[in-house]
Amino acid sequence: MLKPTDPKSSPHERPSPIETAGSATTTGWKGVELVLRPVLALLGAGLIIAGIPIAIATPLIPIGLPVIILGVVLLARNSLAGRRWMQRTLKRHPRLKRFAPDWLVRLILGRDKHA
């Protein structure tokens, strides 16, 4: 069990390993997240670029559209610049937002369509 901290103790004392065990697991993933987020954003941008020729090459079987949607989701969720780009695109072309279902806009931008 964790011991309550004594208000009389010095703030410069090091906490015991038991007290910091929970925080070590959350801070250990910070480095992985710093590397993984840009990689996922680049993967999303690559999927958007690759999805366009795939969509043109397969007009009868819509394979390119899910690839592009996956790329947009990865880019918007892992990059601030990608999210801003997507918001500007939807603001400039409101017809795109009309075609996107609510769940997709929520997945891409993290908010409702009308907010």
C-alpha atoms as a PDB file:
ATOM      1  CA  MET A   1       0.000   0.000   0.000  1.00  0.00           C
ATOM      2  CA  LEU A   2       1.089   3.529  -0.583  1.00  0.00           C
ATOM      3  CA  LYS A   3       2.030   5.561   2.425  1.00  0.00           C
ATOM      4  CA  PRO A   4       0.462   8.990   2.775  1.00  0.00           C
ATOM      5  CA  THR A   5       3.026  11.729   2.387  1.00  0.00           C
ATOM      6  CA  ASP A   6       4.037  13.500   5.526  1.00  0.00           C
ATOM      7  CA  PRO A   7       3.574  17.296   5.233  1.00  0.00           C
ATOM      8  CA  LYS A   8       6.626  17.769   7.479  1.00  0.00           C
ATOM      9  CA  SER A   9       8.908  15.843   5.129  1.00  0.00           C
ATOM     10  CA  SER A  10      11.244  17.716   2.842  1.00  0.00           C
ATOM     11  CA  PRO A  11      10.038  18.230  -0.753  1.00  0.00           C
ATOM     12  CA  HIS A  12      13.518  17.268  -1.970  1.00  0.00           C
ATOM     13  CA  GLU A  13      13.298  13.714  -0.670  1.00  0.00           C
ATOM     14  CA  ARG A  14      13.069  11.064  -3.328  1.00  0.00           C
ATOM     15  CA  PRO A  15       9.845   9.050  -3.288  1.00  0.00           C
ATOM     16  CA  SER A  16      10.095   5.344  -2.731  1.00  0.00           C
ATOM     17  CA  PRO A  17       9.973   3.035  -5.761  1.00  0.00           C
ATOM     18  CA  ILE A  18       6.575   1.798  -4.623  1.00  0.00           C
ATOM     19  CA  GLU A  19       5.132   5.317  -4.744  1.00  0.00           C
ATOM     20  CA  THR A  20       6.405   5.943  -8.273  1.00  0.00           C
ATOM     21  CA  ALA A  21       5.534   2.531  -9.717  1.00  0.00           C
ATOM     22  CA  GLY A  22       2.301   3.746 -11.279  1.00  0.00           C
ATOM     23  CA  SER A  23       3.832   6.822 -12.859  1.00  0.00           C
ATOM     24  CA  ALA A  24       6.737   4.907 -14.402  1.00  0.00           C
ATOM     25  CA  THR A  25       4.425   2.946 -16.652  1.00  0.00           C
ATOM     26  CA  THR A  26       2.712   6.051 -18.010  1.00  0.00           C
ATOM     27  CA  THR A  27       5.898   8.006 -18.660  1.00  0.00           C
ATOM     28  CA  GLY A  28       7.618   5.025 -20.268  1.00  0.00           C
ATOM     29  CA  TRP A  29       5.310   5.225 -23.300  1.00  0.00           C
ATOM     30  CA  LYS A  30       5.970   8.918 -23.892  1.00  0.00           C
ATOM     31  CA  GLY A  31       9.074   8.206 -25.996  1.00  0.00           C
ATOM     32  CA  VAL A  32       7.240   5.601 -28.056  1.00  0.00           C
ATOM     33  CA  GLU A  33       4.394   8.041 -28.649  1.00  0.00           C
ATOM     34  CA  LEU A  34       6.812  10.769 -29.759  1.00  0.00           C
ATOM     35  CA  VAL A  35       8.163   8.449 -32.450  1.00  0.00           C
ATOM     36  CA  LEU A  36       4.939   6.670 -33.386  1.00  0.00           C
ATOM     37  CA  ARG A  37       2.713   9.716 -34.000  1.00  0.00           C
ATOM     38  CA  PRO A  38       4.816  11.230 -36.838  1.00  0.00           C
ATOM     39  CA  VAL A  39       5.261   7.785 -38.377  1.00  0.00           C
ATOM     40  CA  LEU A  40       1.481   7.250 -38.384  1.00  0.00           C
ATOM     41  CA  ALA A  41       0.938  10.737 -39.824  1.00  0.00           C
ATOM     42  CA  LEU A  42       3.401  10.036 -42.642  1.00  0.00           C
ATOM     43  CA  LEU A  43       1.769   6.669 -43.247  1.00  0.00           C
ATOM     44  CA  GLY A  44      -1.604   8.438 -43.492  1.00  0.00           C
ATOM     45  CA  ALA A  45      -0.253  10.959 -46.009  1.00  0.00           C
ATOM     46  CA  GLY A  46       1.255   8.111 -48.010  1.00  0.00           C
ATOM     47  CA  LEU A  47      -2.045   6.222 -48.012  1.00  0.00           C
ATOM     48  CA  ILE A  48      -3.865   9.307 -49.288  1.00  0.00           C
ATOM     49  CA  ILE A  49      -1.369   9.707 -52.115  1.00  0.00           C
ATOM     50  CA  ALA A  50      -1.373   5.979 -52.939  1.00  0.00           C
ATOM     51  CA  GLY A  51      -5.167   5.735 -52.692  1.00  0.00           C
ATOM     52  CA  ILE A  52      -5.789   8.132 -55.565  1.00  0.00           C
ATOM     53  CA  PRO A  53      -4.197   5.980 -58.310  1.00  0.00           C
ATOM     54  CA  ILE A  54      -5.726   2.878 -56.725  1.00  0.00           C
ATOM     55  CA  ALA A  55      -9.166   4.507 -56.914  1.00  0.00           C
ATOM     56  CA  ILE A  56      -8.606   5.441 -60.565  1.00  0.00           C
ATOM     57  CA  ALA A  57      -7.286   1.977 -61.461  1.00  0.00           C
ATOM     58  CA  THR A  58     -10.191   0.119 -59.827  1.00  0.00           C
ATOM     59  CA  PRO A  59     -13.366   2.042 -60.730  1.00  0.00           C
ATOM     60  CA  LEU A  60     -15.734  -0.927 -60.470  1.00  0.00           C
ATOM     61  CA  ILE A  61     -14.467  -2.230 -57.138  1.00  0.00           C
ATOM     62  CA  PRO A  62     -13.997   0.731 -54.772  1.00  0.00           C
ATOM     63  CA  ILE A  63     -10.703  -0.235 -53.158  1.00  0.00           C
ATOM     64  CA  GLY A  64      -9.158   3.229 -53.254  1.00  0.00           C
ATOM     65  CA  LEU A  65     -11.822   4.973 -51.175  1.00  0.00           C
ATOM     66  CA  PRO A  66     -11.232   2.960 -47.975  1.00  0.00           C
ATOM     67  CA  VAL A  67      -7.480   3.425 -48.422  1.00  0.00           C
ATOM     68  CA  ILE A  68      -7.934   7.201 -48.709  1.00  0.00           C
ATOM     69  CA  ILE A  69     -10.299   7.278 -45.709  1.00  0.00           C
ATOM     70  CA  LEU A  70      -7.805   5.315 -43.609  1.00  0.00           C
ATOM     71  CA  GLY A  71      -5.070   7.747 -44.643  1.00  0.00           C
ATOM     72  CA  VAL A  72      -7.193  10.773 -43.740  1.00  0.00           C
ATOM     73  CA  VAL A  73      -8.022   9.292 -40.333  1.00  0.00           C
ATOM     74  CA  LEU A  74      -4.366   8.519 -39.584  1.00  0.00           C
ATOM     75  CA  LEU A  75      -3.219  11.938 -40.730  1.00  0.00           C
ATOM     76  CA  ALA A  76      -5.891  13.937 -38.899  1.00  0.00           C
ATOM     77  CA  ARG A  77      -5.631  11.996 -35.641  1.00  0.00           C
ATOM     78  CA  ASN A  78      -1.823  12.019 -35.415  1.00  0.00           C
ATOM     79  CA  SER A  79      -0.834  15.419 -36.809  1.00  0.00           C
ATOM     80  CA  LEU A  80      -1.977  18.871 -35.803  1.00  0.00           C
ATOM     81  CA  ALA A  81      -1.151  20.214 -39.261  1.00  0.00           C
ATOM     82  CA  GLY A  82      -3.092  17.337 -40.832  1.00  0.00           C
ATOM     83  CA  ARG A  83      -6.116  18.061 -38.668  1.00  0.00           C
ATOM     84  CA  ARG A  84      -5.998  21.760 -39.584  1.00  0.00           C
ATOM     85  CA  TRP A  85      -5.664  20.867 -43.267  1.00  0.00           C
ATOM     86  CA  MET A  86      -8.707  18.617 -43.018  1.00  0.00           C
ATOM     87  CA  GLN A  87     -10.739  21.299 -41.203  1.00  0.00           C
ATOM     88  CA  ARG A  88      -9.810  23.909 -43.828  1.00  0.00           C
ATOM     89  CA  THR A  89     -10.714  21.509 -46.632  1.00  0.00           C
ATOM     90  CA  LEU A  90     -14.100  20.771 -45.088  1.00  0.00           C
ATOM     91  CA  LYS A  91     -14.710  24.490 -44.550  1.00  0.00           C
ATOM     92  CA  ARG A  92     -13.842  25.348 -48.168  1.00  0.00           C
ATOM     93  CA  HIS A  93     -15.833  22.455 -49.616  1.00  0.00           C
ATOM     94  CA  PRO A  94     -18.969  21.913 -47.514  1.00  0.00           C
ATOM     95  CA  ARG A  95     -20.206  19.321 -49.996  1.00  0.00           C
ATOM     96  CA  LEU A  96     -17.526  16.931 -48.718  1.00  0.00           C
ATOM     97  CA  LYS A  97     -18.903  17.163 -45.194  1.00  0.00           C
ATOM     98  CA  ARG A  98     -22.384  16.425 -46.502  1.00  0.00           C
ATOM     99  CA  PHE A  99     -21.206  13.122 -47.959  1.00  0.00           C
ATOM    100  CA  ALA A 100     -19.298  12.069 -44.848  1.00  0.00           C
ATOM    101  CA  PRO A 101     -21.373  10.239 -42.237  1.00  0.00           C
ATOM    102  CA  ASP A 102     -21.358  11.464 -38.637  1.00  0.00           C
ATOM    103  CA  TRP A 103     -19.258   8.542 -37.383  1.00  0.00           C
ATOM    104  CA  LEU A 104     -16.562   9.274 -39.970  1.00  0.00           C
ATOM    105  CA  VAL A 105     -16.312  12.974 -39.089  1.00  0.00           C
ATOM    106  CA  ARG A 106     -16.190  12.021 -35.402  1.00  0.00           C
ATOM    107  CA  LEU A 107     -13.422   9.517 -36.175  1.00  0.00           C
ATOM    108  CA  ILE A 108     -11.407  11.995 -38.234  1.00  0.00           C
ATOM    109  CA  LEU A 109     -11.794  15.194 -36.238  1.00  0.00           C
ATOM    110  CA  GLY A 110     -12.817  13.888 -32.839  1.00  0.00           C
ATOM    111  CA  ARG A 111     -15.991  15.985 -32.762  1.00  0.00           C
ATOM    112  CA  ASP A 112     -19.505  15.973 -34.170  1.00  0.00           C
ATOM    113  CA  LYS A 113     -20.199  17.049 -37.722  1.00  0.00           C
ATOM    114  CA  HIS A 114     -22.212  20.130 -36.800  1.00  0.00           C
ATOM    115  CA  ALA A 115     -19.998  21.386 -33.966  1.00  0.00           C
END
